[in-house]
Amino acid sequence: MPQPCQNERVATGNRRCRRCTHPKSVGWLLPQVSRRTAQPRSQSGIESVLPSRTQDPLAVRPSRAAMSQAADMLRSVARGGPMSVPSKWKIAQHWNESPRREDFAPHLLLDEPCCFACGWFSERWKRATAQASWQRANLERAHLIPSSLGGPDDASNLLLLCKPCHQESPDWMDPEQMARWIATRDERPSREVETFVAWVAAAEKAPDFRDAVASVIAQEDANDRVSKLLRDLLGRAGTHFGVGFSQGTRVAVLQAAADEINRQVQQVGCEAPEPRSG
């Protein structure tokens, strides 16, 4: 059987090499060298995440750094210029020192991340440093002058808003319209308070849960057992993307908890000995 040659192979589809009988592998050149210089090819940017003409595309595993660099390059090309968005911490620092702070960031506290417009925050964002807390915060960058109207990606043109505020904020070329809109924005409670209110509202739609809890509240460790039951049921519930537990899911969890509590009460009642007469 003829031995494969060591010369550079020529792309011939699925045919054999022109200089020997060695079969081609999926039609790609091997080894990974440039055809003209016979030197290893240097790759950077988006080229580094694409299979070269000497590579098997199924074997290419670009690094995360290369993928991130390529994504930045693509966004830069799409926007027609260099891509550089300031961090949330840089944006917060800018508006903390800005003379227009009260107009565009009335709720801003540098050591406690929150939505500039409504003050919404979460205790889960708290980290060891203020910078880490701001980076952790689930807040979105919102342009004063939209990028579609030529607004830059500078800290002076960016606010940090919660998702509802960002969706409702004005996309207008005059930043003063944003200031007027923020002045009319109602203050929003924290994420934890909103979650508690949502569960209270769900309990009103699941009266069986209230009755079931009332029937066992006097028992020892009732609070712990009901809390554990709710955690177990939440672990079996699904979530909506970007929303978490929907209000309907909360009602379903409470109703399932009521059914389980009633079942346990009935089971205990059946197992209890009947009182003796006389």
C-alpha atoms as a PDB file:
ATOM      1  CA  MET A   1       0.000   0.000   0.000  1.00  0.00           C
ATOM      2  CA  PRO A   2       1.499   3.397  -1.003  1.00  0.00           C
ATOM      3  CA  GLN A   3       2.661   5.543   1.883  1.00  0.00           C
ATOM      4  CA  PRO A   4       1.244   9.073   2.278  1.00  0.00           C
ATOM      5  CA  CYS A   5       3.593  11.749   1.025  1.00  0.00           C
ATOM      6  CA  GLN A   6       4.968  14.478   3.307  1.00  0.00           C
ATOM      7  CA  ASN A   7       4.456  17.242   0.764  1.00  0.00           C
ATOM      8  CA  GLU A   8       1.839  19.914   1.158  1.00  0.00           C
ATOM      9  CA  ARG A   9      -1.548  18.584   0.144  1.00  0.00           C
ATOM     10  CA  VAL A  10      -3.758  20.381  -2.291  1.00  0.00           C
ATOM     11  CA  ALA A  11      -7.472  20.965  -1.671  1.00  0.00           C
ATOM     12  CA  THR A  12      -9.195  18.514  -3.962  1.00  0.00           C
ATOM     13  CA  GLY A  13     -12.552  18.019  -2.285  1.00  0.00           C
ATOM     14  CA  ASN A  14     -13.030  14.362  -1.409  1.00  0.00           C
ATOM     15  CA  ARG A  15     -10.564  13.135  -4.019  1.00  0.00           C
ATOM     16  CA  ARG A  16      -7.153  11.787  -3.217  1.00  0.00           C
ATOM     17  CA  CYS A  17      -3.982  13.873  -3.048  1.00  0.00           C
ATOM     18  CA  ARG A  18      -2.520  14.607  -6.457  1.00  0.00           C
ATOM     19  CA  ARG A  19       0.933  13.438  -5.406  1.00  0.00           C
ATOM     20  CA  CYS A  20       0.014  10.202  -3.625  1.00  0.00           C
ATOM     21  CA  THR A  21      -2.894   7.883  -2.909  1.00  0.00           C
ATOM     22  CA  HIS A  22      -3.483   9.160   0.615  1.00  0.00           C
ATOM     23  CA  PRO A  23      -7.198  10.060   0.999  1.00  0.00           C
ATOM     24  CA  LYS A  24      -8.137  13.619   1.917  1.00  0.00           C
ATOM     25  CA  SER A  25      -9.912  14.254   5.270  1.00  0.00           C
ATOM     26  CA  VAL A  26     -13.106  16.289   4.703  1.00  0.00           C
ATOM     27  CA  GLY A  27     -11.330  18.312   2.017  1.00  0.00           C
ATOM     28  CA  TRP A  28      -9.154  20.517   4.279  1.00  0.00           C
ATOM     29  CA  LEU A  29      -5.412  21.080   3.938  1.00  0.00           C
ATOM     30  CA  LEU A  30      -3.029  19.540   6.471  1.00  0.00           C
ATOM     31  CA  PRO A  31      -0.788  20.434   8.196  1.00  0.00           C
ATOM     32  CA  GLN A  32      -1.834  23.881   9.406  1.00  0.00           C
ATOM     33  CA  VAL A  33       0.552  26.042   7.368  1.00  0.00           C
ATOM     34  CA  SER A  34       0.267  28.823   4.840  1.00  0.00           C
ATOM     35  CA  ARG A  35       0.364  27.550   1.265  1.00  0.00           C
ATOM     36  CA  ARG A  36       2.781  30.222   0.017  1.00  0.00           C
ATOM     37  CA  THR A  37       5.217  30.591   2.914  1.00  0.00           C
ATOM     38  CA  ALA A  38       4.904  27.156   4.529  1.00  0.00           C
ATOM     39  CA  GLN A  39       4.965  28.951   7.915  1.00  0.00           C
ATOM     40  CA  PRO A  40       2.418  28.706  10.710  1.00  0.00           C
ATOM     41  CA  ARG A  41      -0.314  31.284  10.240  1.00  0.00           C
ATOM     42  CA  SER A  42      -0.768  33.903  12.949  1.00  0.00           C
ATOM     43  CA  GLN A  43      -4.391  34.712  13.722  1.00  0.00           C
ATOM     44  CA  SER A  44      -6.007  37.437  15.753  1.00  0.00           C
ATOM     45  CA  GLY A  45      -9.437  38.906  16.283  1.00  0.00           C
ATOM     46  CA  ILE A  46     -12.311  37.365  14.392  1.00  0.00           C
ATOM     47  CA  GLU A  47      -9.956  35.307  12.206  1.00  0.00           C
ATOM     48  CA  SER A  48      -8.907  33.361  15.285  1.00  0.00           C
ATOM     49  CA  VAL A  49     -12.397  31.936  15.807  1.00  0.00           C
ATOM     50  CA  LEU A  50     -12.915  30.875  12.191  1.00  0.00           C
ATOM     51  CA  PRO A  51     -11.453  27.631  10.788  1.00  0.00           C
ATOM     52  CA  SER A  52      -8.466  28.258   8.570  1.00  0.00           C
ATOM     53  CA  ARG A  53      -8.173  26.556   5.210  1.00  0.00           C
ATOM     54  CA  THR A  54      -5.803  24.072   6.808  1.00  0.00           C
ATOM     55  CA  GLN A  55      -8.086  23.127   9.716  1.00  0.00           C
ATOM     56  CA  ASP A  56     -10.868  20.698  10.239  1.00  0.00           C
ATOM     57  CA  PRO A  57     -13.758  23.038  11.191  1.00  0.00           C
ATOM     58  CA  LEU A  58     -15.238  20.433  13.527  1.00  0.00           C
ATOM     59  CA  ALA A  59     -12.021  20.349  15.562  1.00  0.00           C
ATOM     60  CA  VAL A  60     -11.723  24.111  16.095  1.00  0.00           C
ATOM     61  CA  ARG A  61     -12.219  25.189  19.724  1.00  0.00           C
ATOM     62  CA  PRO A  62     -11.594  28.930  20.026  1.00  0.00           C
ATOM     63  CA  SER A  63     -10.777  30.361  23.431  1.00  0.00           C
ATOM     64  CA  ARG A  64     -13.243  32.543  25.323  1.00  0.00           C
ATOM     65  CA  ALA A  65     -10.894  35.511  24.947  1.00  0.00           C
ATOM     66  CA  ALA A  66     -10.856  35.075  21.178  1.00  0.00           C
ATOM     67  CA  MET A  67     -14.638  34.800  21.076  1.00  0.00           C
ATOM     68  CA  SER A  68     -15.029  37.949  23.180  1.00  0.00           C
ATOM     69  CA  GLN A  69     -12.556  39.844  20.990  1.00  0.00           C
ATOM     70  CA  ALA A  70     -14.360  38.748  17.860  1.00  0.00           C
ATOM     71  CA  ALA A  71     -17.744  39.782  19.283  1.00  0.00           C
ATOM     72  CA  ASP A  72     -16.370  43.229  20.149  1.00  0.00           C
ATOM     73  CA  MET A  73     -15.018  43.586  16.633  1.00  0.00           C
ATOM     74  CA  LEU A  74     -18.364  42.664  15.103  1.00  0.00           C
ATOM     75  CA  ARG A  75     -20.204  45.155  17.292  1.00  0.00           C
ATOM     76  CA  SER A  76     -17.642  47.802  16.445  1.00  0.00           C
ATOM     77  CA  VAL A  77     -18.137  47.230  12.728  1.00  0.00           C
ATOM     78  CA  ALA A  78     -21.927  47.283  13.108  1.00  0.00           C
ATOM     79  CA  ARG A  79     -21.788  50.596  14.970  1.00  0.00           C
ATOM     80  CA  GLY A  80     -19.247  52.092  12.600  1.00  0.00           C
ATOM     81  CA  GLY A  81     -16.604  52.831  15.214  1.00  0.00           C
ATOM     82  CA  PRO A  82     -14.651  51.504  18.212  1.00  0.00           C
ATOM     83  CA  MET A  83     -16.558  49.709  20.934  1.00  0.00           C
ATOM     84  CA  SER A  84     -15.963  50.938  24.494  1.00  0.00           C
ATOM     85  CA  VAL A  85     -18.797  50.930  27.050  1.00  0.00           C
ATOM     86  CA  PRO A  86     -17.990  52.198  30.568  1.00  0.00           C
ATOM     87  CA  SER A  87     -18.624  49.909  33.518  1.00  0.00           C
ATOM     88  CA  LYS A  88     -21.574  50.405  35.845  1.00  0.00           C
ATOM     89  CA  TRP A  89     -19.179  51.589  38.521  1.00  0.00           C
ATOM     90  CA  LYS A  90     -17.744  54.274  36.215  1.00  0.00           C
ATOM     91  CA  ILE A  91     -21.262  55.450  35.332  1.00  0.00           C
ATOM     92  CA  ALA A  92     -22.239  55.642  39.004  1.00  0.00           C
ATOM     93  CA  GLN A  93     -19.066  57.568  39.844  1.00  0.00           C
ATOM     94  CA  HIS A  94     -19.684  60.060  37.041  1.00  0.00           C
ATOM     95  CA  TRP A  95     -23.234  60.892  38.111  1.00  0.00           C
ATOM     96  CA  ASN A  96     -22.287  60.978  41.790  1.00  0.00           C
ATOM     97  CA  GLU A  97     -19.999  63.917  40.976  1.00  0.00           C
ATOM     98  CA  SER A  98     -22.197  65.492  38.286  1.00  0.00           C
ATOM     99  CA  PRO A  99     -23.922  68.843  38.953  1.00  0.00           C
ATOM    100  CA  ARG A 100     -27.002  67.355  37.231  1.00  0.00           C
ATOM    101  CA  ARG A 101     -27.173  64.447  39.670  1.00  0.00           C
ATOM    102  CA  GLU A 102     -30.549  65.473  41.140  1.00  0.00           C
ATOM    103  CA  ASP A 103     -32.041  65.694  37.633  1.00  0.00           C
ATOM    104  CA  PHE A 104     -30.813  62.383  36.221  1.00  0.00           C
ATOM    105  CA  ALA A 105     -29.946  60.264  39.291  1.00  0.00           C
ATOM    106  CA  PRO A 106     -32.064  61.480  42.242  1.00  0.00           C
ATOM    107  CA  HIS A 107     -31.894  58.129  44.077  1.00  0.00           C
ATOM    108  CA  LEU A 108     -28.176  57.549  43.596  1.00  0.00           C
ATOM    109  CA  LEU A 109     -26.116  56.473  46.619  1.00  0.00           C
ATOM    110  CA  LEU A 110     -22.611  55.430  45.683  1.00  0.00           C
ATOM    111  CA  ASP A 111     -22.385  52.678  48.314  1.00  0.00           C
ATOM    112  CA  GLU A 112     -25.847  51.207  47.576  1.00  0.00           C
ATOM    113  CA  PRO A 113     -26.606  50.336  43.926  1.00  0.00           C
ATOM    114  CA  CYS A 114     -30.092  51.276  42.764  1.00  0.00           C
ATOM    115  CA  CYS A 115     -32.071  52.396  39.739  1.00  0.00           C
ATOM    116  CA  PHE A 116     -31.351  56.070  39.066  1.00  0.00           C
ATOM    117  CA  ALA A 117     -34.990  56.783  38.215  1.00  0.00           C
ATOM    118  CA  CYS A 118     -37.079  54.875  40.801  1.00  0.00           C
ATOM    119  CA  GLY A 119     -34.611  53.721  43.459  1.00  0.00           C
ATOM    120  CA  TRP A 120     -35.289  49.984  43.014  1.00  0.00           C
ATOM    121  CA  PHE A 121     -32.573  47.811  44.579  1.00  0.00           C
ATOM    122  CA  SER A 122     -31.913  44.366  45.969  1.00  0.00           C
ATOM    123  CA  GLU A 123     -30.115  43.255  49.106  1.00  0.00           C
ATOM    124  CA  ARG A 124     -28.598  40.419  47.065  1.00  0.00           C
ATOM    125  CA  TRP A 125     -26.408  42.896  45.190  1.00  0.00           C
ATOM    126  CA  LYS A 126     -24.390  43.698  48.321  1.00  0.00           C
ATOM    127  CA  ARG A 127     -20.715  42.751  48.007  1.00  0.00           C
ATOM    128  CA  ALA A 128     -17.506  43.512  49.876  1.00  0.00           C
ATOM    129  CA  THR A 129     -16.888  46.763  47.974  1.00  0.00           C
ATOM    130  CA  ALA A 130     -19.142  49.363  46.381  1.00  0.00           C
ATOM    131  CA  GLN A 131     -17.554  48.736  42.991  1.00  0.00           C
ATOM    132  CA  ALA A 132     -18.294  44.998  43.173  1.00  0.00           C
ATOM    133  CA  SER A 133     -21.850  45.751  44.291  1.00  0.00           C
ATOM    134  CA  TRP A 134     -22.499  48.010  41.308  1.00  0.00           C
ATOM    135  CA  GLN A 135     -21.087  45.430  38.926  1.00  0.00           C
ATOM    136  CA  ARG A 136     -23.362  42.798  40.497  1.00  0.00           C
ATOM    137  CA  ALA A 137     -26.470  44.996  40.305  1.00  0.00           C
ATOM    138  CA  ASN A 138     -29.140  43.864  37.861  1.00  0.00           C
ATOM    139  CA  LEU A 139     -29.380  47.279  36.204  1.00  0.00           C
ATOM    140  CA  GLU A 140     -29.308  48.185  32.520  1.00  0.00           C
ATOM    141  CA  ARG A 141     -27.386  50.936  30.733  1.00  0.00           C
ATOM    142  CA  ALA A 142     -29.802  53.455  29.226  1.00  0.00           C
ATOM    143  CA  HIS A 143     -28.758  56.229  26.837  1.00  0.00           C
ATOM    144  CA  LEU A 144     -29.827  59.817  27.399  1.00  0.00           C
ATOM    145  CA  ILE A 145     -29.468  60.389  23.652  1.00  0.00           C
ATOM    146  CA  PRO A 146     -30.144  57.015  21.982  1.00  0.00           C
ATOM    147  CA  SER A 147     -27.292  55.454  20.049  1.00  0.00           C
ATOM    148  CA  SER A 148     -29.632  55.243  17.055  1.00  0.00           C
ATOM    149  CA  LEU A 149     -29.719  59.062  17.089  1.00  0.00           C
ATOM    150  CA  GLY A 150     -25.967  59.407  17.411  1.00  0.00           C
ATOM    151  CA  GLY A 151     -25.627  59.260  21.196  1.00  0.00           C
ATOM    152  CA  PRO A 152     -22.168  58.168  22.402  1.00  0.00           C
ATOM    153  CA  ASP A 153     -21.343  55.328  24.795  1.00  0.00           C
ATOM    154  CA  ASP A 154     -19.915  57.752  27.358  1.00  0.00           C
ATOM    155  CA  ALA A 155     -20.683  57.772  31.081  1.00  0.00           C
ATOM    156  CA  SER A 156     -22.168  61.252  30.631  1.00  0.00           C
ATOM    157  CA  ASN A 157     -24.716  59.805  28.187  1.00  0.00           C
ATOM    158  CA  LEU A 158     -25.569  56.655  30.161  1.00  0.00           C
ATOM    159  CA  LEU A 159     -27.859  56.024  33.127  1.00  0.00           C
ATOM    160  CA  LEU A 160     -28.377  52.842  35.142  1.00  0.00           C
ATOM    161  CA  LEU A 161     -32.045  51.842  35.180  1.00  0.00           C
ATOM    162  CA  CYS A 162     -34.065  48.809  36.171  1.00  0.00           C
ATOM    163  CA  LYS A 163     -35.689  46.895  33.344  1.00  0.00           C
ATOM    164  CA  PRO A 164     -39.189  48.472  33.650  1.00  0.00           C
ATOM    165  CA  CYS A 165     -37.735  51.992  33.750  1.00  0.00           C
ATOM    166  CA  HIS A 166     -35.483  51.278  30.785  1.00  0.00           C
ATOM    167  CA  GLN A 167     -38.396  49.963  28.760  1.00  0.00           C
ATOM    168  CA  GLU A 168     -40.549  53.011  29.544  1.00  0.00           C
ATOM    169  CA  SER A 169     -37.859  55.707  29.322  1.00  0.00           C
ATOM    170  CA  PRO A 170     -38.051  58.199  26.410  1.00  0.00           C
ATOM    171  CA  ASP A 171     -35.865  57.700  23.337  1.00  0.00           C
ATOM    172  CA  TRP A 172     -35.417  61.327  22.356  1.00  0.00           C
ATOM    173  CA  MET A 173     -32.597  63.537  21.144  1.00  0.00           C
ATOM    174  CA  ASP A 174     -33.102  66.109  23.928  1.00  0.00           C
ATOM    175  CA  PRO A 175     -31.786  64.816  27.309  1.00  0.00           C
ATOM    176  CA  GLU A 176     -34.087  67.211  29.161  1.00  0.00           C
ATOM    177  CA  GLN A 177     -37.021  64.992  28.222  1.00  0.00           C
ATOM    178  CA  MET A 178     -35.372  62.202  30.190  1.00  0.00           C
ATOM    179  CA  ALA A 179     -34.971  64.509  33.202  1.00  0.00           C
ATOM    180  CA  ARG A 180     -38.666  65.450  33.063  1.00  0.00           C
ATOM    181  CA  TRP A 181     -39.654  61.796  32.817  1.00  0.00           C
ATOM    182  CA  ILE A 182     -37.480  60.845  35.825  1.00  0.00           C
ATOM    183  CA  ALA A 183     -39.058  63.653  37.884  1.00  0.00           C
ATOM    184  CA  THR A 184     -42.494  62.042  37.410  1.00  0.00           C
ATOM    185  CA  ARG A 185     -41.303  58.476  38.135  1.00  0.00           C
ATOM    186  CA  ASP A 186     -42.802  56.868  41.248  1.00  0.00           C
ATOM    187  CA  GLU A 187     -40.442  55.357  43.769  1.00  0.00           C
ATOM    188  CA  ARG A 188     -40.277  51.579  43.587  1.00  0.00           C
ATOM    189  CA  PRO A 189     -39.715  49.341  46.643  1.00  0.00           C
ATOM    190  CA  SER A 190     -36.861  46.892  46.872  1.00  0.00           C
ATOM    191  CA  ARG A 191     -36.899  43.538  45.149  1.00  0.00           C
ATOM    192  CA  GLU A 192     -37.426  41.758  48.462  1.00  0.00           C
ATOM    193  CA  VAL A 193     -40.420  43.914  49.373  1.00  0.00           C
ATOM    194  CA  GLU A 194     -41.918  43.376  45.921  1.00  0.00           C
ATOM    195  CA  THR A 195     -41.515  39.623  46.334  1.00  0.00           C
ATOM    196  CA  PHE A 196     -43.243  39.687  49.733  1.00  0.00           C
ATOM    197  CA  VAL A 197     -46.150  41.751  48.360  1.00  0.00           C
ATOM    198  CA  ALA A 198     -46.471  39.362  45.430  1.00  0.00           C
ATOM    199  CA  TRP A 199     -46.759  36.364  47.772  1.00  0.00           C
ATOM    200  CA  VAL A 200     -49.383  38.155  49.874  1.00  0.00           C
ATOM    201  CA  ALA A 201     -51.394  38.847  46.711  1.00  0.00           C
ATOM    202  CA  ALA A 202     -51.028  35.199  45.685  1.00  0.00           C
ATOM    203  CA  ALA A 203     -52.303  34.063  49.101  1.00  0.00           C
ATOM    204  CA  GLU A 204     -55.465  36.101  48.552  1.00  0.00           C
ATOM    205  CA  LYS A 205     -56.122  34.031  45.434  1.00  0.00           C
ATOM    206  CA  ALA A 206     -55.463  30.766  47.280  1.00  0.00           C
ATOM    207  CA  PRO A 207     -57.800  30.885  50.324  1.00  0.00           C
ATOM    208  CA  ASP A 208     -57.349  27.140  50.874  1.00  0.00           C
ATOM    209  CA  PHE A 209     -53.734  27.833  51.851  1.00  0.00           C
ATOM    210  CA  ARG A 210     -54.745  30.311  54.540  1.00  0.00           C
ATOM    211  CA  ASP A 211     -57.281  27.857  55.969  1.00  0.00           C
ATOM    212  CA  ALA A 212     -54.767  25.009  55.894  1.00  0.00           C
ATOM    213  CA  VAL A 213     -52.106  27.048  57.709  1.00  0.00           C
ATOM    214  CA  ALA A 214     -54.671  28.173  60.295  1.00  0.00           C
ATOM    215  CA  SER A 215     -55.474  24.543  61.049  1.00  0.00           C
ATOM    216  CA  VAL A 216     -51.866  23.676  61.954  1.00  0.00           C
ATOM    217  CA  ILE A 217     -50.439  26.982  63.197  1.00  0.00           C
ATOM    218  CA  ALA A 218     -50.866  25.969  66.842  1.00  0.00           C
ATOM    219  CA  GLN A 219     -48.803  22.821  66.380  1.00  0.00           C
ATOM    220  CA  GLU A 220     -45.148  22.644  67.412  1.00  0.00           C
ATOM    221  CA  ASP A 221     -42.653  23.682  64.683  1.00  0.00           C
ATOM    222  CA  ALA A 222     -45.545  24.521  62.346  1.00  0.00           C
ATOM    223  CA  ASN A 223     -43.729  27.522  60.861  1.00  0.00           C
ATOM    224  CA  ASP A 224     -40.614  25.504  60.078  1.00  0.00           C
ATOM    225  CA  ARG A 225     -42.581  22.662  58.506  1.00  0.00           C
ATOM    226  CA  VAL A 226     -44.678  24.972  56.331  1.00  0.00           C
ATOM    227  CA  SER A 227     -41.569  26.910  55.247  1.00  0.00           C
ATOM    228  CA  LYS A 228     -39.774  23.692  54.303  1.00  0.00           C
ATOM    229  CA  LEU A 229     -42.829  22.528  52.347  1.00  0.00           C
ATOM    230  CA  LEU A 230     -42.929  25.789  50.387  1.00  0.00           C
ATOM    231  CA  ARG A 231     -39.203  25.568  49.592  1.00  0.00           C
ATOM    232  CA  ASP A 232     -39.616  22.015  48.352  1.00  0.00           C
ATOM    233  CA  LEU A 233     -42.541  22.997  46.139  1.00  0.00           C
ATOM    234  CA  LEU A 234     -40.668  26.009  44.747  1.00  0.00           C
ATOM    235  CA  GLY A 235     -37.833  23.679  43.810  1.00  0.00           C
ATOM    236  CA  ARG A 236     -40.276  21.794  41.567  1.00  0.00           C
ATOM    237  CA  ALA A 237     -41.716  24.946  39.964  1.00  0.00           C
ATOM    238  CA  GLY A 238     -40.630  26.484  36.684  1.00  0.00           C
ATOM    239  CA  THR A 239     -39.751  30.102  35.969  1.00  0.00           C
ATOM    240  CA  HIS A 240     -40.289  32.587  33.172  1.00  0.00           C
ATOM    241  CA  PHE A 241     -37.138  33.889  31.482  1.00  0.00           C
ATOM    242  CA  GLY A 242     -36.309  37.336  32.833  1.00  0.00           C
ATOM    243  CA  VAL A 243     -39.289  37.229  35.230  1.00  0.00           C
ATOM    244  CA  GLY A 244     -38.679  34.430  37.707  1.00  0.00           C
ATOM    245  CA  PHE A 245     -41.740  32.987  39.418  1.00  0.00           C
ATOM    246  CA  SER A 246     -44.901  34.286  37.800  1.00  0.00           C
ATOM    247  CA  GLN A 247     -47.899  35.229  39.915  1.00  0.00           C
ATOM    248  CA  GLY A 248     -49.771  32.198  38.606  1.00  0.00           C
ATOM    249  CA  THR A 249     -46.897  29.965  39.707  1.00  0.00           C
ATOM    250  CA  ARG A 250     -47.022  31.428  43.218  1.00  0.00           C
ATOM    251  CA  VAL A 251     -50.766  30.706  43.436  1.00  0.00           C
ATOM    252  CA  ALA A 252     -50.173  27.144  42.210  1.00  0.00           C
ATOM    253  CA  VAL A 253     -47.433  26.596  44.817  1.00  0.00           C
ATOM    254  CA  LEU A 254     -49.672  27.825  47.645  1.00  0.00           C
ATOM    255  CA  GLN A 255     -52.563  25.668  46.462  1.00  0.00           C
ATOM    256  CA  ALA A 256     -50.309  22.610  46.278  1.00  0.00           C
ATOM    257  CA  ALA A 257     -49.051  23.391  49.792  1.00  0.00           C
ATOM    258  CA  ALA A 258     -52.646  23.604  51.038  1.00  0.00           C
ATOM    259  CA  ASP A 259     -53.436  20.216  49.517  1.00  0.00           C
ATOM    260  CA  GLU A 260     -50.376  18.655  51.149  1.00  0.00           C
ATOM    261  CA  ILE A 261     -51.097  20.192  54.580  1.00  0.00           C
ATOM    262  CA  ASN A 262     -54.709  18.972  54.449  1.00  0.00           C
ATOM    263  CA  ARG A 263     -53.545  15.506  53.430  1.00  0.00           C
ATOM    264  CA  GLN A 264     -51.138  15.349  56.381  1.00  0.00           C
ATOM    265  CA  VAL A 265     -53.849  16.560  58.780  1.00  0.00           C
ATOM    266  CA  GLN A 266     -56.242  13.884  57.565  1.00  0.00           C
ATOM    267  CA  GLN A 267     -53.547  11.224  57.835  1.00  0.00           C
ATOM    268  CA  VAL A 268     -52.764  12.204  61.431  1.00  0.00           C
ATOM    269  CA  GLY A 269     -56.476  12.208  62.258  1.00  0.00           C
ATOM    270  CA  CYS A 270     -56.892   8.692  60.905  1.00  0.00           C
ATOM    271  CA  GLU A 271     -53.916   7.404  62.890  1.00  0.00           C
ATOM    272  CA  ALA A 272     -54.980   9.033  66.186  1.00  0.00           C
ATOM    273  CA  PRO A 273     -56.598   6.567  68.667  1.00  0.00           C
ATOM    274  CA  GLU A 274     -60.281   7.036  69.393  1.00  0.00           C
ATOM    275  CA  PRO A 275     -61.084   8.256  72.936  1.00  0.00           C
ATOM    276  CA  ARG A 276     -62.452   5.595  75.306  1.00  0.00           C
ATOM    277  CA  SER A 277     -65.982   6.000  76.632  1.00  0.00           C
ATOM    278  CA  GLY A 278     -66.965   5.809  80.291  1.00  0.00           C
END
